[in-house]
Amino acid sequence: MKKLFFILLAVLCCAGVSAQKAKFGHVDYASIMPLMPGIDTAQTAMADMQKELEDEGAIMSQELKQKEEDYMRLANSGASAAVLKVKEDEFNRLYERFQTFVSDGEKRLQEKQIELLKPFQEKLLAAIKKVAQAEHYTYVFDISTLAFYGESTDLTAAVKKELGIQ
């Protein structure tokens, strides 16, 4: 009889837990991020780095163009195959350097973006968590990742308030 009582109690407890309705909320992460205090400094640093990389890339691109013109001039003037080979090798080395510069530059830019935005993302996620816990939400989603949301509360304003953003 005791065993039956405990089994019945366990079933009722499980039924009670599963009967609780999950509470869903959503935020517009992309609308909050640009409003966060200090984010403009991070964006300026990113723009400066991007401009610096673009300027350096433009110089290398101009060098490539010059090497190509030099090669064409020599080829049209009847230069020897050995001289053309040297110029072609120079062009190819510079082109490889340029390609490496571009791929490394993109990687450096991404790493810098992650480094600069991480504190803002952490602060925003902490605010979302605080609001969700205070208002007893089970799940909070970013609307950019949802194709549809029906029964869900928009917590964007509450999160902005938590961050001191109007």
Protein backbone atom coordinates (compact mmCIF):
# COMPACT_ATOMS: atom_id res chain seq x y z
CA MET A 1 0.00 0.00 0.00
CA LYS A 2 2.87 2.38 0.87
CA LYS A 3 4.49 1.58 -2.45
CA LEU A 4 1.28 2.37 -4.33
CA PHE A 5 0.95 5.66 -2.41
CA PHE A 6 4.49 6.76 -3.41
CA ILE A 7 3.93 5.79 -7.03
CA LEU A 8 0.67 7.76 -7.09
CA LEU A 9 2.38 10.75 -5.42
CA ALA A 10 5.23 10.65 -7.98
CA VAL A 11 2.75 10.53 -10.87
CA LEU A 12 0.80 13.48 -9.48
CA CYS A 13 3.99 15.51 -8.93
CA CYS A 14 5.15 14.84 -12.51
CA ALA A 15 1.72 15.76 -13.86
CA GLY A 16 1.80 18.99 -11.87
CA VAL A 17 5.22 19.94 -13.23
CA SER A 18 4.27 19.19 -16.83
CA ALA A 19 0.97 21.06 -16.44
CA GLN A 20 2.83 24.33 -15.78
CA LYS A 21 2.65 26.46 -18.89
CA ALA A 22 5.91 27.69 -20.33
CA LYS A 23 6.10 31.47 -20.58
CA PHE A 24 7.62 32.81 -23.80
CA GLY A 25 9.08 36.23 -24.47
CA HIS A 26 11.02 37.86 -27.26
CA VAL A 27 13.37 40.79 -27.72
CA ASP A 28 14.57 42.74 -30.72
CA TYR A 29 18.30 42.32 -30.07
CA ALA A 30 19.26 44.24 -33.22
CA SER A 31 17.27 47.31 -32.19
CA ILE A 32 18.82 47.42 -28.71
CA MET A 33 22.49 46.87 -29.60
CA PRO A 34 23.07 50.16 -31.50
CA LEU A 35 21.48 52.14 -28.66
CA MET A 36 23.79 50.86 -25.94
CA PRO A 37 26.03 53.51 -24.37
CA GLY A 38 29.59 53.29 -25.67
CA ILE A 39 28.78 51.18 -28.73
CA ASP A 40 29.57 54.14 -30.97
CA THR A 41 33.18 54.07 -29.77
CA ALA A 42 33.46 50.41 -30.74
CA GLN A 43 31.90 51.11 -34.13
CA THR A 44 34.32 53.99 -34.73
CA ALA A 45 37.29 51.76 -33.89
CA MET A 46 35.98 49.15 -36.34
CA ALA A 47 35.50 51.74 -39.08
CA ASP A 48 39.02 53.09 -38.50
CA MET A 49 40.53 49.63 -38.75
CA GLN A 50 38.54 48.87 -41.89
CA LYS A 51 39.64 52.15 -43.49
CA GLU A 52 43.28 51.41 -42.64
CA LEU A 53 43.03 47.96 -44.23
CA GLU A 54 41.29 49.36 -47.31
CA ASP A 55 43.99 52.01 -47.75
CA GLU A 56 46.75 49.43 -47.47
CA GLY A 57 44.90 47.16 -49.89
CA ALA A 58 44.53 50.01 -52.39
CA ILE A 59 48.30 50.60 -52.31
CA MET A 60 48.97 46.91 -52.93
CA SER A 61 46.39 46.87 -55.71
CA GLN A 62 48.11 49.83 -57.36
CA GLU A 63 51.45 48.02 -57.12
CA LEU A 64 49.89 44.99 -58.81
CA LYS A 65 48.53 47.15 -61.60
CA GLN A 66 51.96 48.74 -62.08
CA LYS A 67 53.67 45.33 -62.23
CA GLU A 68 51.15 44.18 -64.83
CA GLU A 69 51.72 47.32 -66.94
CA ASP A 70 55.49 46.87 -66.69
CA TYR A 71 55.17 43.27 -67.84
CA MET A 72 52.92 44.21 -70.78
CA ARG A 73 55.30 47.01 -71.83
CA LEU A 74 58.25 44.60 -71.78
CA ALA A 75 56.30 41.92 -73.64
CA ASN A 76 55.28 44.40 -76.35
CA SER A 77 58.82 45.72 -76.69
CA GLY A 78 60.21 42.27 -77.46
CA ALA A 79 61.98 41.57 -74.13
CA SER A 80 63.61 38.17 -73.72
CA ALA A 81 61.74 35.24 -72.22
CA ALA A 82 64.09 35.29 -69.20
CA VAL A 83 63.29 38.93 -68.40
CA LEU A 84 59.56 38.28 -68.84
CA LYS A 85 59.81 35.27 -66.53
CA VAL A 86 61.45 37.39 -63.81
CA LYS A 87 58.70 40.03 -64.12
CA GLU A 88 55.99 37.36 -64.13
CA ASP A 89 57.45 35.81 -60.96
CA GLU A 90 57.54 39.24 -59.29
CA PHE A 91 53.90 39.79 -60.20
CA ASN A 92 52.86 36.35 -58.91
CA ARG A 93 54.67 36.87 -55.56
CA LEU A 94 53.01 40.25 -55.11
CA TYR A 95 49.62 38.79 -56.05
CA GLU A 96 50.02 36.00 -53.47
CA ARG A 97 50.99 38.61 -50.84
CA PHE A 98 47.89 40.61 -51.78
CA GLN A 99 45.61 37.58 -51.44
CA THR A 100 47.13 36.72 -48.05
CA PHE A 101 46.73 40.33 -46.96
CA VAL A 102 43.03 40.31 -47.92
CA SER A 103 42.23 37.04 -46.13
CA ASP A 104 44.29 37.99 -43.05
CA GLY A 105 42.68 41.43 -43.02
CA GLU A 106 39.18 39.96 -43.03
CA LYS A 107 40.15 37.62 -40.20
CA ARG A 108 41.70 40.47 -38.16
CA LEU A 109 38.62 42.61 -38.72
CA GLN A 110 36.31 39.82 -37.52
CA GLU A 111 38.47 39.20 -34.45
CA LYS A 112 38.48 42.91 -33.63
CA GLN A 113 34.70 43.07 -34.03
CA ILE A 114 34.26 40.15 -31.65
CA GLU A 115 36.67 41.71 -29.15
CA LEU A 116 34.98 45.13 -29.24
CA LEU A 117 31.36 43.92 -29.19
CA LYS A 118 31.73 41.14 -26.61
CA PRO A 119 31.30 43.41 -23.53
CA PHE A 120 28.14 44.93 -25.03
CA GLN A 121 26.72 41.53 -25.93
CA GLU A 122 27.43 40.22 -22.43
CA LYS A 123 25.76 43.26 -20.85
CA LEU A 124 22.71 42.89 -23.11
CA LEU A 125 22.39 39.16 -22.39
CA ALA A 126 22.69 39.82 -18.65
CA ALA A 127 19.87 42.39 -18.88
CA ILE A 128 17.70 39.96 -20.85
CA LYS A 129 18.33 37.26 -18.26
CA LYS A 130 17.53 39.62 -15.38
CA VAL A 131 14.23 40.73 -16.94
CA ALA A 132 13.31 37.14 -17.86
CA GLN A 133 13.99 35.88 -14.34
CA ALA A 134 12.18 38.79 -12.68
CA GLU A 135 9.09 38.22 -14.81
CA HIS A 136 9.34 34.40 -14.68
CA TYR A 137 9.85 33.71 -18.38
CA THR A 138 10.84 30.19 -19.37
CA TYR A 139 12.23 31.17 -22.78
CA VAL A 140 13.24 34.48 -24.36
CA PHE A 141 14.03 34.52 -28.08
CA ASP A 142 15.59 37.08 -30.39
CA ILE A 143 13.03 37.93 -33.07
CA SER A 144 15.66 37.84 -35.82
CA THR A 145 15.88 34.06 -35.43
CA LEU A 146 12.14 33.42 -35.44
CA ALA A 147 10.06 32.99 -38.56
CA PHE A 148 6.86 33.29 -36.51
CA TYR A 149 5.96 34.06 -32.94
CA GLY A 150 2.43 33.94 -31.63
CA GLU A 151 1.93 33.73 -27.90
CA SER A 152 4.95 35.68 -26.80
CA THR A 153 5.54 38.93 -24.95
CA ASP A 154 7.83 41.60 -26.33
CA LEU A 155 10.41 42.29 -23.61
CA THR A 156 12.43 44.77 -25.67
CA ALA A 157 11.18 47.82 -23.75
CA ALA A 158 11.83 46.16 -20.37
CA VAL A 159 15.37 45.21 -21.41
CA LYS A 160 16.03 48.75 -22.67
CA LYS A 161 14.80 50.08 -19.34
CA GLU A 162 17.10 47.65 -17.50
CA LEU A 163 20.03 48.98 -19.57
CA GLY A 164 19.03 52.60 -19.01
CA ILE A 165 18.16 53.13 -22.68
CA GLN A 166 15.10 55.06 -23.76
